[in-house]
């Protein structure tokens, strides 16, 4: 017997959620995968509607993709308390839901929004996450794949991360925009 994803109780996150935040958006070439629902997503039951989601929408729009042109989901479907990172057992409890979305929707590319999503969808890397993203975008390391689907990692779009600068003075948001540009290009039909 299958479990209704909207009624999942597979991990402790179900105890405090208002609702499960299910994948949404069109079944398209581009699937953005974030870390977890935030407060606004938990209240509305829709992913990527908080400030981090609006930041992603703005970057996508600047690259020619409106909100109705890409799909969204998270590595966990319930909001962690106090907006903390999901724990490994929580990510594992939700893993089959994400894998099912990938099988059913068959995106051409996954945009891993933030380090937690990238840790779930890409092989381990050495060094800092932002350096890893930079190396990938510069073609210095191969594009990772998850279930055969290219994964473009990017910095998290939360204001705390998005508005910072790297040691070389470059803005993290610029690295994020380059990652979105790459994902949008990869998502185009061949």
N, C-alpha and C. Protein backbone atom coordinates (compact mmCIF):
# COMPACT_ATOMS: atom_id res chain seq x y z
N UNK A 1 0.85 -1.18 0.00
CA UNK A 1 0.00 0.00 0.00
C UNK A 1 0.89 1.24 0.00
N UNK A 2 0.60 2.18 -0.87
CA UNK A 2 1.41 3.39 -0.94
C UNK A 2 0.89 4.44 0.02
N UNK A 3 1.80 5.31 0.44
CA UNK A 3 1.48 6.38 1.37
C UNK A 3 1.16 7.64 0.59
N UNK A 4 0.13 8.34 1.00
CA UNK A 4 -0.19 9.64 0.40
C UNK A 4 0.93 10.61 0.80
N UNK A 5 1.64 11.19 -0.19
CA UNK A 5 2.76 12.08 0.17
C UNK A 5 2.32 13.27 1.03
N UNK A 6 1.09 13.70 0.93
CA UNK A 6 0.61 14.83 1.73
C UNK A 6 0.36 14.45 3.19
N UNK A 7 0.41 13.14 3.49
CA UNK A 7 0.15 12.67 4.85
C UNK A 7 1.34 11.92 5.43
N UNK A 8 2.50 12.09 4.84
CA UNK A 8 3.69 11.36 5.25
C UNK A 8 4.05 11.66 6.71
N UNK A 9 4.41 10.62 7.44
CA UNK A 9 4.88 10.76 8.82
C UNK A 9 6.19 9.97 9.01
N UNK A 10 6.98 9.88 7.97
CA UNK A 10 8.19 9.05 7.98
C UNK A 10 9.32 9.60 8.86
N UNK A 11 9.26 10.87 9.24
CA UNK A 11 10.33 11.42 10.09
C UNK A 11 9.74 12.43 11.06
N UNK A 12 10.58 12.91 11.96
CA UNK A 12 10.16 13.83 13.02
C UNK A 12 9.64 15.16 12.49
N UNK A 13 10.00 15.53 11.26
CA UNK A 13 9.55 16.82 10.74
C UNK A 13 8.03 16.89 10.60
N UNK A 14 7.38 15.75 10.48
CA UNK A 14 5.92 15.74 10.32
C UNK A 14 5.21 16.24 11.58
N UNK A 15 5.86 16.15 12.73
CA UNK A 15 5.21 16.52 14.00
C UNK A 15 4.90 18.00 14.12
N UNK A 16 5.70 18.85 13.49
CA UNK A 16 5.53 20.30 13.67
C UNK A 16 5.12 21.05 12.42
N UNK A 17 4.99 20.36 11.30
CA UNK A 17 4.65 21.06 10.06
C UNK A 17 3.19 21.49 10.08
N UNK A 18 2.89 22.52 9.28
CA UNK A 18 1.50 22.87 9.02
C UNK A 18 0.97 22.00 7.89
N UNK A 19 1.84 21.76 6.90
CA UNK A 19 1.46 20.91 5.77
C UNK A 19 2.71 20.47 5.02
N UNK A 20 2.56 19.40 4.26
CA UNK A 20 3.63 18.93 3.40
C UNK A 20 3.68 19.86 2.19
N UNK A 21 4.88 20.26 1.81
CA UNK A 21 5.04 21.12 0.63
C UNK A 21 5.45 20.20 -0.52
N UNK A 22 4.51 19.97 -1.41
CA UNK A 22 4.71 19.07 -2.54
C UNK A 22 5.39 19.79 -3.70
N UNK A 23 6.01 19.03 -4.61
CA UNK A 23 6.61 19.65 -5.80
C UNK A 23 5.55 20.42 -6.58
N UNK A 24 5.96 21.51 -7.19
CA UNK A 24 5.00 22.27 -7.99
C UNK A 24 5.70 22.86 -9.20
N UNK A 25 4.90 23.43 -10.06
CA UNK A 25 5.40 24.00 -11.30
C UNK A 25 5.17 23.04 -12.44
N UNK A 26 5.51 23.47 -13.61
CA UNK A 26 5.27 22.63 -14.79
C UNK A 26 6.27 21.48 -14.86
N UNK A 27 5.84 20.39 -15.41
CA UNK A 27 6.78 19.32 -15.71
C UNK A 27 7.54 19.82 -16.92
N UNK A 28 8.75 20.33 -16.65
CA UNK A 28 9.52 21.01 -17.69
C UNK A 28 10.96 20.52 -17.69
N UNK A 29 11.78 21.17 -18.43
CA UNK A 29 13.17 20.78 -18.52
C UNK A 29 14.00 21.14 -17.31
N UNK A 30 13.54 22.08 -16.48
CA UNK A 30 14.33 22.58 -15.36
C UNK A 30 13.60 22.35 -14.04
N UNK A 31 14.28 21.66 -13.13
CA UNK A 31 13.74 21.42 -11.79
C UNK A 31 14.70 22.01 -10.77
N UNK A 32 14.24 23.00 -10.01
CA UNK A 32 15.03 23.58 -8.92
C UNK A 32 14.75 22.75 -7.67
N UNK A 33 15.82 22.31 -7.03
CA UNK A 33 15.69 21.53 -5.81
C UNK A 33 16.37 22.30 -4.68
N UNK A 34 15.59 22.67 -3.68
CA UNK A 34 16.11 23.40 -2.54
C UNK A 34 16.30 22.50 -1.34
N UNK A 35 16.62 23.15 -0.23
CA UNK A 35 16.91 22.43 1.00
C UNK A 35 15.64 21.94 1.69
N UNK A 36 14.74 22.87 2.01
CA UNK A 36 13.54 22.54 2.79
C UNK A 36 12.58 23.71 2.72
N UNK A 37 11.31 23.46 2.98
CA UNK A 37 10.36 24.57 3.04
C UNK A 37 10.70 25.50 4.21
N UNK A 38 10.46 26.77 4.01
CA UNK A 38 10.59 27.74 5.08
C UNK A 38 9.22 28.04 5.69
N UNK A 39 9.17 29.05 6.52
CA UNK A 39 7.92 29.40 7.23
C UNK A 39 6.79 29.70 6.26
N UNK A 40 7.05 30.54 5.24
CA UNK A 40 5.98 30.90 4.31
C UNK A 40 5.55 29.72 3.46
N UNK A 41 6.50 28.88 3.08
CA UNK A 41 6.16 27.69 2.30
C UNK A 41 5.30 26.73 3.12
N UNK A 42 5.65 26.56 4.40
CA UNK A 42 4.88 25.69 5.30
C UNK A 42 3.46 26.23 5.47
N UNK A 43 3.34 27.53 5.58
CA UNK A 43 2.00 28.14 5.75
C UNK A 43 1.15 28.05 4.49
N UNK A 44 1.78 28.25 3.32
CA UNK A 44 1.03 28.28 2.06
C UNK A 44 0.96 26.94 1.35
N UNK A 45 1.86 26.02 1.70
CA UNK A 45 1.89 24.73 1.02
C UNK A 45 2.46 24.78 -0.38
N UNK A 46 3.21 25.85 -0.68
CA UNK A 46 3.80 26.05 -2.00
C UNK A 46 5.28 26.34 -1.80
N UNK A 47 6.12 25.70 -2.60
CA UNK A 47 7.56 25.87 -2.46
C UNK A 47 8.09 27.15 -3.07
N UNK A 48 9.19 27.63 -2.51
CA UNK A 48 9.94 28.77 -3.06
C UNK A 48 9.10 30.05 -3.14
N UNK A 49 8.28 30.31 -2.11
CA UNK A 49 7.49 31.55 -2.10
C UNK A 49 8.02 32.56 -1.09
N UNK A 50 8.97 32.17 -0.26
CA UNK A 50 9.58 33.10 0.69
C UNK A 50 10.59 33.98 -0.02
N UNK A 51 11.36 34.72 0.75
CA UNK A 51 12.31 35.65 0.16
C UNK A 51 13.37 34.93 -0.68
N UNK A 52 13.86 33.78 -0.22
CA UNK A 52 14.85 33.04 -1.02
C UNK A 52 14.23 32.59 -2.35
N UNK A 53 13.00 32.15 -2.31
CA UNK A 53 12.31 31.75 -3.55
C UNK A 53 12.09 32.92 -4.48
N UNK A 54 11.75 34.07 -3.91
CA UNK A 54 11.56 35.26 -4.75
C UNK A 54 12.90 35.70 -5.37
N UNK A 55 14.00 35.55 -4.62
CA UNK A 55 15.32 35.85 -5.20
C UNK A 55 15.59 34.92 -6.38
N UNK A 56 15.28 33.63 -6.22
CA UNK A 56 15.48 32.70 -7.32
C UNK A 56 14.59 33.07 -8.51
N UNK A 57 13.34 33.41 -8.25
CA UNK A 57 12.44 33.82 -9.33
C UNK A 57 12.99 35.02 -10.11
N UNK A 58 13.58 35.99 -9.39
CA UNK A 58 14.14 37.17 -10.07
C UNK A 58 15.31 36.79 -10.97
N UNK A 59 16.18 35.92 -10.48
CA UNK A 59 17.33 35.50 -11.30
C UNK A 59 16.84 34.70 -12.50
N UNK A 60 15.89 33.81 -12.27
CA UNK A 60 15.33 33.04 -13.39
C UNK A 60 14.71 33.98 -14.43
N UNK A 61 13.95 34.96 -13.97
CA UNK A 61 13.32 35.90 -14.89
C UNK A 61 14.37 36.67 -15.69
N UNK A 62 15.47 37.06 -15.03
CA UNK A 62 16.55 37.75 -15.73
C UNK A 62 17.18 36.86 -16.80
N UNK A 63 17.03 35.55 -16.64
CA UNK A 63 17.56 34.58 -17.63
C UNK A 63 16.47 34.12 -18.59
N UNK A 64 15.32 34.80 -18.54
CA UNK A 64 14.25 34.50 -19.50
C UNK A 64 13.27 33.41 -19.09
N UNK A 65 13.31 32.98 -17.83
CA UNK A 65 12.41 31.92 -17.38
C UNK A 65 11.53 32.47 -16.25
N UNK A 66 10.25 32.55 -16.49
CA UNK A 66 9.31 33.00 -15.47
C UNK A 66 8.99 31.85 -14.51
N UNK A 67 8.35 32.14 -13.40
CA UNK A 67 8.03 31.12 -12.40
C UNK A 67 7.25 29.96 -13.00
N UNK A 68 6.38 30.24 -13.94
CA UNK A 68 5.59 29.16 -14.54
C UNK A 68 6.39 28.37 -15.58
N UNK A 69 7.68 28.68 -15.72
CA UNK A 69 8.51 27.99 -16.70
C UNK A 69 9.49 26.99 -16.10
N UNK A 70 9.46 26.83 -14.78
CA UNK A 70 10.34 25.83 -14.15
C UNK A 70 9.63 25.21 -12.95
N UNK A 71 10.04 24.00 -12.62
CA UNK A 71 9.44 23.26 -11.51
C UNK A 71 10.31 23.41 -10.26
N UNK A 72 9.71 23.14 -9.09
CA UNK A 72 10.38 23.32 -7.81
C UNK A 72 10.04 22.18 -6.85
N UNK A 73 11.02 21.80 -6.07
CA UNK A 73 10.83 20.86 -4.96
C UNK A 73 11.98 21.05 -3.98
N UNK A 74 11.97 20.27 -2.90
CA UNK A 74 13.03 20.34 -1.89
C UNK A 74 13.50 18.94 -1.54
N UNK A 75 14.67 18.85 -0.90
CA UNK A 75 15.15 17.54 -0.50
C UNK A 75 14.33 16.97 0.65
N UNK A 76 13.70 17.82 1.45
CA UNK A 76 12.70 17.38 2.42
C UNK A 76 11.44 18.21 2.18
N UNK A 77 10.29 17.62 2.48
CA UNK A 77 9.02 18.27 2.17
C UNK A 77 8.36 18.96 3.34
N UNK A 78 8.94 18.85 4.53
CA UNK A 78 8.38 19.50 5.71
C UNK A 78 9.41 20.46 6.30
N UNK A 79 8.91 21.53 6.90
CA UNK A 79 9.81 22.56 7.44
C UNK A 79 10.51 22.08 8.70
N UNK A 80 11.84 22.15 8.73
CA UNK A 80 12.56 21.85 9.96
C UNK A 80 12.33 22.96 11.00
N UNK A 81 12.28 22.59 12.29
CA UNK A 81 12.09 23.60 13.34
C UNK A 81 13.17 24.67 13.28
N UNK A 82 12.76 25.89 13.55
CA UNK A 82 13.68 27.04 13.60
C UNK A 82 14.50 27.21 12.32
N UNK A 83 13.98 26.70 11.22
CA UNK A 83 14.61 26.84 9.91
C UNK A 83 16.01 26.21 9.87
N UNK A 84 16.25 25.21 10.71
CA UNK A 84 17.55 24.54 10.72
C UNK A 84 17.71 23.69 9.48
N UNK A 85 18.95 23.26 9.20
CA UNK A 85 19.20 22.35 8.09
C UNK A 85 18.55 21.00 8.40
N UNK A 86 18.04 20.33 7.37
CA UNK A 86 17.50 19.00 7.61
C UNK A 86 18.62 18.05 8.04
N UNK A 87 18.29 17.15 8.95
CA UNK A 87 19.25 16.15 9.41
C UNK A 87 19.29 14.99 8.43
N UNK A 88 20.38 14.25 8.47
CA UNK A 88 20.59 13.18 7.49
C UNK A 88 19.47 12.15 7.49
N UNK A 89 18.92 11.80 8.67
CA UNK A 89 17.83 10.82 8.69
C UNK A 89 16.55 11.41 8.09
N UNK A 90 16.36 12.71 8.20
CA UNK A 90 15.19 13.36 7.59
C UNK A 90 15.32 13.38 6.07
N UNK A 91 16.53 13.69 5.60
CA UNK A 91 16.80 13.67 4.16
C UNK A 91 16.59 12.25 3.62
N UNK A 92 17.08 11.26 4.35
CA UNK A 92 16.91 9.87 3.93
C UNK A 92 15.44 9.47 3.89
N UNK A 93 14.65 9.94 4.85
CA UNK A 93 13.22 9.60 4.89
C UNK A 93 12.47 10.18 3.70
N UNK A 94 12.93 11.28 3.16
CA UNK A 94 12.28 11.92 2.01
C UNK A 94 12.89 11.52 0.67
N UNK A 95 14.00 10.81 0.69
CA UNK A 95 14.75 10.53 -0.54
C UNK A 95 13.90 9.87 -1.61
N UNK A 96 13.06 8.93 -1.22
CA UNK A 96 12.25 8.24 -2.23
C UNK A 96 11.25 9.16 -2.90
N UNK A 97 10.78 10.19 -2.17
CA UNK A 97 9.84 11.15 -2.79
C UNK A 97 10.54 11.94 -3.88
N UNK A 98 11.76 12.42 -3.58
CA UNK A 98 12.51 13.17 -4.58
C UNK A 98 12.85 12.29 -5.78
N UNK A 99 13.29 11.07 -5.51
CA UNK A 99 13.61 10.16 -6.61
C UNK A 99 12.39 9.87 -7.48
N UNK A 100 11.23 9.78 -6.86
CA UNK A 100 10.00 9.54 -7.63
C UNK A 100 9.68 10.73 -8.53
N UNK A 101 9.85 11.94 -8.02
CA UNK A 101 9.61 13.14 -8.84
C UNK A 101 10.55 13.13 -10.05
N UNK A 102 11.81 12.79 -9.83
CA UNK A 102 12.77 12.77 -10.94
C UNK A 102 12.39 11.72 -11.98
N UNK A 103 11.95 10.57 -11.53
CA UNK A 103 11.52 9.52 -12.48
C UNK A 103 10.27 9.95 -13.25
N UNK A 104 9.31 10.52 -12.53
CA UNK A 104 8.03 10.89 -13.16
C UNK A 104 8.14 12.11 -14.04
N UNK A 105 8.90 13.12 -13.61
CA UNK A 105 8.95 14.39 -14.34
C UNK A 105 10.07 14.42 -15.37
N UNK A 106 11.10 13.65 -15.19
CA UNK A 106 12.23 13.56 -16.11
C UNK A 106 12.75 14.92 -16.59
N UNK A 107 13.21 15.75 -15.65
CA UNK A 107 13.76 17.05 -16.08
C UNK A 107 15.05 16.84 -16.87
N UNK A 108 15.39 17.83 -17.68
CA UNK A 108 16.65 17.78 -18.43
C UNK A 108 17.83 18.20 -17.55
N UNK A 109 17.54 19.03 -16.53
CA UNK A 109 18.59 19.50 -15.62
C UNK A 109 17.98 19.78 -14.25
N UNK A 110 18.82 19.56 -13.23
CA UNK A 110 18.45 19.88 -11.85
C UNK A 110 19.31 21.06 -11.42
N UNK A 111 18.68 22.08 -10.86
CA UNK A 111 19.39 23.20 -10.27
C UNK A 111 19.36 22.99 -8.76
N UNK A 112 20.50 22.63 -8.17
CA UNK A 112 20.60 22.38 -6.73
C UNK A 112 20.81 23.71 -6.03
N UNK A 113 19.76 24.21 -5.38
CA UNK A 113 19.79 25.53 -4.76
C UNK A 113 20.32 25.40 -3.34
N UNK A 114 21.61 25.68 -3.18
CA UNK A 114 22.24 25.63 -1.87
C UNK A 114 23.01 24.36 -1.62
N UNK A 115 23.87 24.43 -0.63
CA UNK A 115 24.79 23.34 -0.34
C UNK A 115 24.06 22.07 0.10
N UNK A 116 22.99 22.18 0.88
CA UNK A 116 22.29 20.97 1.33
C UNK A 116 21.73 20.18 0.16
N UNK A 117 21.14 20.87 -0.80
CA UNK A 117 20.61 20.18 -1.98
C UNK A 117 21.75 19.56 -2.79
N UNK A 118 22.85 20.30 -2.93
CA UNK A 118 23.99 19.77 -3.68
C UNK A 118 24.59 18.55 -2.98
N UNK A 119 24.66 18.57 -1.65
CA UNK A 119 25.19 17.42 -0.92
C UNK A 119 24.34 16.18 -1.17
N UNK A 120 23.04 16.35 -1.32
CA UNK A 120 22.14 15.22 -1.57
C UNK A 120 22.25 14.70 -3.00
N UNK A 121 22.54 15.59 -3.95
CA UNK A 121 22.43 15.24 -5.37
C UNK A 121 23.75 15.07 -6.11
N UNK A 122 24.86 15.40 -5.48
CA UNK A 122 26.15 15.32 -6.18
C UNK A 122 27.15 14.52 -5.33
N UNK A 123 28.19 14.02 -5.98
CA UNK A 123 29.24 13.32 -5.21
C UNK A 123 29.93 14.30 -4.26
N UNK A 124 30.57 13.78 -3.22
CA UNK A 124 31.31 14.66 -2.30
C UNK A 124 32.41 15.44 -3.03
N UNK A 125 32.75 16.59 -2.52
CA UNK A 125 33.81 17.41 -3.09
C UNK A 125 34.74 17.82 -1.97
N UNK A 126 35.90 18.31 -2.35
CA UNK A 126 36.84 18.82 -1.35
C UNK A 126 36.87 20.34 -1.45
N UNK A 127 37.22 20.97 -0.36
CA UNK A 127 37.28 22.43 -0.35
C UNK A 127 35.93 23.05 -0.09
N UNK A 128 35.85 24.35 -0.29
CA UNK A 128 34.62 25.07 0.01
C UNK A 128 33.56 24.82 -1.07
N UNK A 129 32.33 24.92 -0.66
CA UNK A 129 31.23 24.72 -1.60
C UNK A 129 31.26 25.76 -2.72
N UNK A 130 31.48 27.02 -2.39
CA UNK A 130 31.47 28.07 -3.42
C UNK A 130 32.62 27.87 -4.40
N UNK A 131 33.79 27.43 -3.91
CA UNK A 131 34.89 27.12 -4.83
C UNK A 131 34.51 25.97 -5.75
N UNK A 132 33.80 24.99 -5.20
CA UNK A 132 33.34 23.84 -6.00
C UNK A 132 32.41 24.33 -7.12
N UNK A 133 31.46 25.19 -6.79
CA UNK A 133 30.53 25.73 -7.79
C UNK A 133 31.32 26.50 -8.86
N UNK A 134 32.25 27.32 -8.43
CA UNK A 134 33.07 28.10 -9.37
C UNK A 134 33.85 27.18 -10.31
N UNK A 135 34.46 26.14 -9.78
CA UNK A 135 35.23 25.21 -10.61
C UNK A 135 34.32 24.51 -11.63
N UNK A 136 33.15 24.14 -11.20
CA UNK A 136 32.22 23.47 -12.11
C UNK A 136 31.80 24.43 -13.23
N UNK A 137 31.44 25.65 -12.88
CA UNK A 137 31.00 26.62 -13.88
C UNK A 137 32.13 27.00 -14.84
N UNK A 138 33.38 26.93 -14.35
CA UNK A 138 34.53 27.25 -15.20
C UNK A 138 34.96 26.04 -16.04
N UNK A 139 34.30 24.92 -15.88
CA UNK A 139 34.65 23.73 -16.64
C UNK A 139 35.89 23.01 -16.14
N UNK A 140 36.32 23.33 -14.92
CA UNK A 140 37.52 22.70 -14.36
C UNK A 140 37.24 21.31 -13.80
N UNK A 141 35.98 21.04 -13.51
CA UNK A 141 35.57 19.71 -13.05
C UNK A 141 34.32 19.32 -13.83
N UNK A 142 34.07 18.03 -13.99
CA UNK A 142 32.92 17.62 -14.80
C UNK A 142 31.58 17.91 -14.12
N UNK A 143 30.57 18.09 -14.95
CA UNK A 143 29.22 18.32 -14.47
C UNK A 143 28.73 17.06 -13.76
N UNK A 144 28.32 17.16 -12.49
CA UNK A 144 27.80 15.98 -11.81
C UNK A 144 26.43 15.60 -12.36
N UNK A 145 26.06 14.35 -12.15
CA UNK A 145 24.75 13.85 -12.58
C UNK A 145 24.12 13.09 -11.43
N UNK A 146 22.81 13.15 -11.38
CA UNK A 146 22.04 12.36 -10.43
C UNK A 146 20.98 11.63 -11.23
N UNK A 147 20.96 10.33 -11.13
CA UNK A 147 20.08 9.49 -11.93
C UNK A 147 20.19 9.84 -13.42
N UNK A 148 21.40 10.16 -13.85
CA UNK A 148 21.66 10.48 -15.24
C UNK A 148 21.33 11.91 -15.64
N UNK A 149 20.82 12.70 -14.72
CA UNK A 149 20.41 14.08 -14.99
C UNK A 149 21.51 15.04 -14.55
N UNK A 150 21.95 15.96 -15.43
CA UNK A 150 22.96 16.94 -15.00
C UNK A 150 22.46 17.76 -13.81
N UNK A 151 23.37 18.01 -12.87
CA UNK A 151 23.05 18.80 -11.68
C UNK A 151 23.96 20.03 -11.68
N UNK A 152 23.35 21.20 -11.67
CA UNK A 152 24.08 22.46 -11.56
C UNK A 152 23.90 22.99 -10.14
N UNK A 153 24.95 22.93 -9.31
CA UNK A 153 24.83 23.48 -7.97
C UNK A 153 24.97 25.00 -7.99
N UNK A 154 24.35 25.63 -7.03
CA UNK A 154 24.43 27.09 -6.92
C UNK A 154 24.38 27.49 -5.45
N UNK A 155 24.79 28.73 -5.13
CA UNK A 155 24.65 29.21 -3.76
C UNK A 155 23.18 29.30 -3.37
N UNK A 156 22.93 29.18 -2.09
CA UNK A 156 21.57 29.36 -1.59
C UNK A 156 21.13 30.79 -1.85
N UNK A 157 19.86 30.98 -2.10
CA UNK A 157 19.35 32.31 -2.44
C UNK A 157 18.81 33.08 -1.24
N UNK A 158 19.02 32.58 -0.03
CA UNK A 158 18.60 33.33 1.15
C UNK A 158 19.41 34.61 1.24
N UNK A 159 18.81 35.68 1.76
CA UNK A 159 19.55 36.94 1.85
C UNK A 159 20.87 36.82 2.59
N UNK A 160 20.92 35.98 3.62
CA UNK A 160 22.14 35.82 4.39
C UNK A 160 23.29 35.34 3.50
N UNK A 161 23.00 34.40 2.62
CA UNK A 161 24.04 33.89 1.71
C UNK A 161 24.18 34.78 0.48
N UNK A 162 23.08 35.16 -0.09
CA UNK A 162 23.02 35.83 -1.40
C UNK A 162 23.72 37.18 -1.40
N UNK A 163 23.68 37.88 -0.28
CA UNK A 163 24.20 39.25 -0.23
C UNK A 163 25.65 39.34 0.26
N UNK A 164 26.30 38.20 0.44
CA UNK A 164 27.68 38.20 0.92
C UNK A 164 28.65 38.27 -0.26
N UNK A 165 29.91 38.49 0.10
CA UNK A 165 30.97 38.53 -0.90
C UNK A 165 31.97 37.42 -0.61
N UNK A 166 32.58 36.94 -1.67
CA UNK A 166 33.61 35.92 -1.55
C UNK A 166 34.92 36.60 -1.18
N UNK A 167 35.93 35.84 -0.75
CA UNK A 167 37.21 36.46 -0.37
C UNK A 167 37.84 37.31 -1.47
N UNK A 168 37.57 36.98 -2.74
CA UNK A 168 38.12 37.78 -3.83
C UNK A 168 37.32 39.05 -4.12
N UNK A 169 36.26 39.27 -3.33
CA UNK A 169 35.43 40.46 -3.50
C UNK A 169 34.22 40.28 -4.41
N UNK A 170 34.14 39.16 -5.12
CA UNK A 170 33.01 38.94 -6.02
C UNK A 170 31.75 38.61 -5.21
N UNK A 171 30.62 39.03 -5.72
CA UNK A 171 29.34 38.82 -5.04
C UNK A 171 28.86 37.39 -5.24
N UNK A 172 28.37 36.79 -4.18
CA UNK A 172 27.84 35.43 -4.26
C UNK A 172 26.66 35.39 -5.23
N UNK A 173 25.87 36.46 -5.26
CA UNK A 173 24.74 36.48 -6.19
C UNK A 173 25.19 36.38 -7.65
N UNK A 174 26.39 36.89 -7.98
CA UNK A 174 26.90 36.77 -9.35
C UNK A 174 27.21 35.32 -9.70
N UNK A 175 27.77 34.58 -8.74
CA UNK A 175 28.03 33.16 -8.93
C UNK A 175 26.70 32.42 -9.11
N UNK A 176 25.71 32.81 -8.31
CA UNK A 176 24.38 32.20 -8.44
C UNK A 176 23.75 32.47 -9.79
N UNK A 177 23.89 33.68 -10.28
CA UNK A 177 23.32 34.00 -11.60
C UNK A 177 24.00 33.18 -12.69
N UNK A 178 25.31 33.01 -12.60
CA UNK A 178 26.00 32.20 -13.60
C UNK A 178 25.52 30.75 -13.56
N UNK A 179 25.26 30.24 -12.36
CA UNK A 179 24.76 28.86 -12.24
C UNK A 179 23.37 28.74 -12.85
N UNK A 180 22.51 29.71 -12.59
CA UNK A 180 21.17 29.68 -13.18
C UNK A 180 21.26 29.76 -14.70
N UNK A 181 22.11 30.64 -15.20
CA UNK A 181 22.30 30.74 -16.66
C UNK A 181 22.69 29.39 -17.25
N UNK A 182 23.62 28.69 -16.59
CA UNK A 182 24.06 27.38 -17.07
C UNK A 182 22.89 26.38 -17.07
N UNK A 183 22.13 26.36 -15.97
CA UNK A 183 21.00 25.43 -15.87
C UNK A 183 19.94 25.73 -16.95
N UNK A 184 19.68 26.99 -17.17
CA UNK A 184 18.68 27.37 -18.18
C UNK A 184 19.15 26.90 -19.57
N UNK A 185 20.43 27.09 -19.87
CA UNK A 185 20.95 26.63 -21.16
C UNK A 185 20.83 25.12 -21.31
N UNK A 186 21.17 24.38 -20.26
CA UNK A 186 21.09 22.93 -20.29
C UNK A 186 19.65 22.42 -20.40
N UNK A 187 18.71 23.20 -19.90
CA UNK A 187 17.31 22.78 -19.91
C UNK A 187 16.64 22.95 -21.27
N UNK A 188 17.29 23.69 -22.16
CA UNK A 188 16.69 23.93 -23.48
C UNK A 188 16.62 22.63 -24.28
N UNK A 189 15.53 22.40 -25.01
CA UNK A 189 15.46 21.21 -25.84
C UNK A 189 16.57 21.24 -26.88
N UNK A 190 17.09 20.07 -27.19
CA UNK A 190 18.17 19.99 -28.16
C UNK A 190 17.64 19.90 -29.57
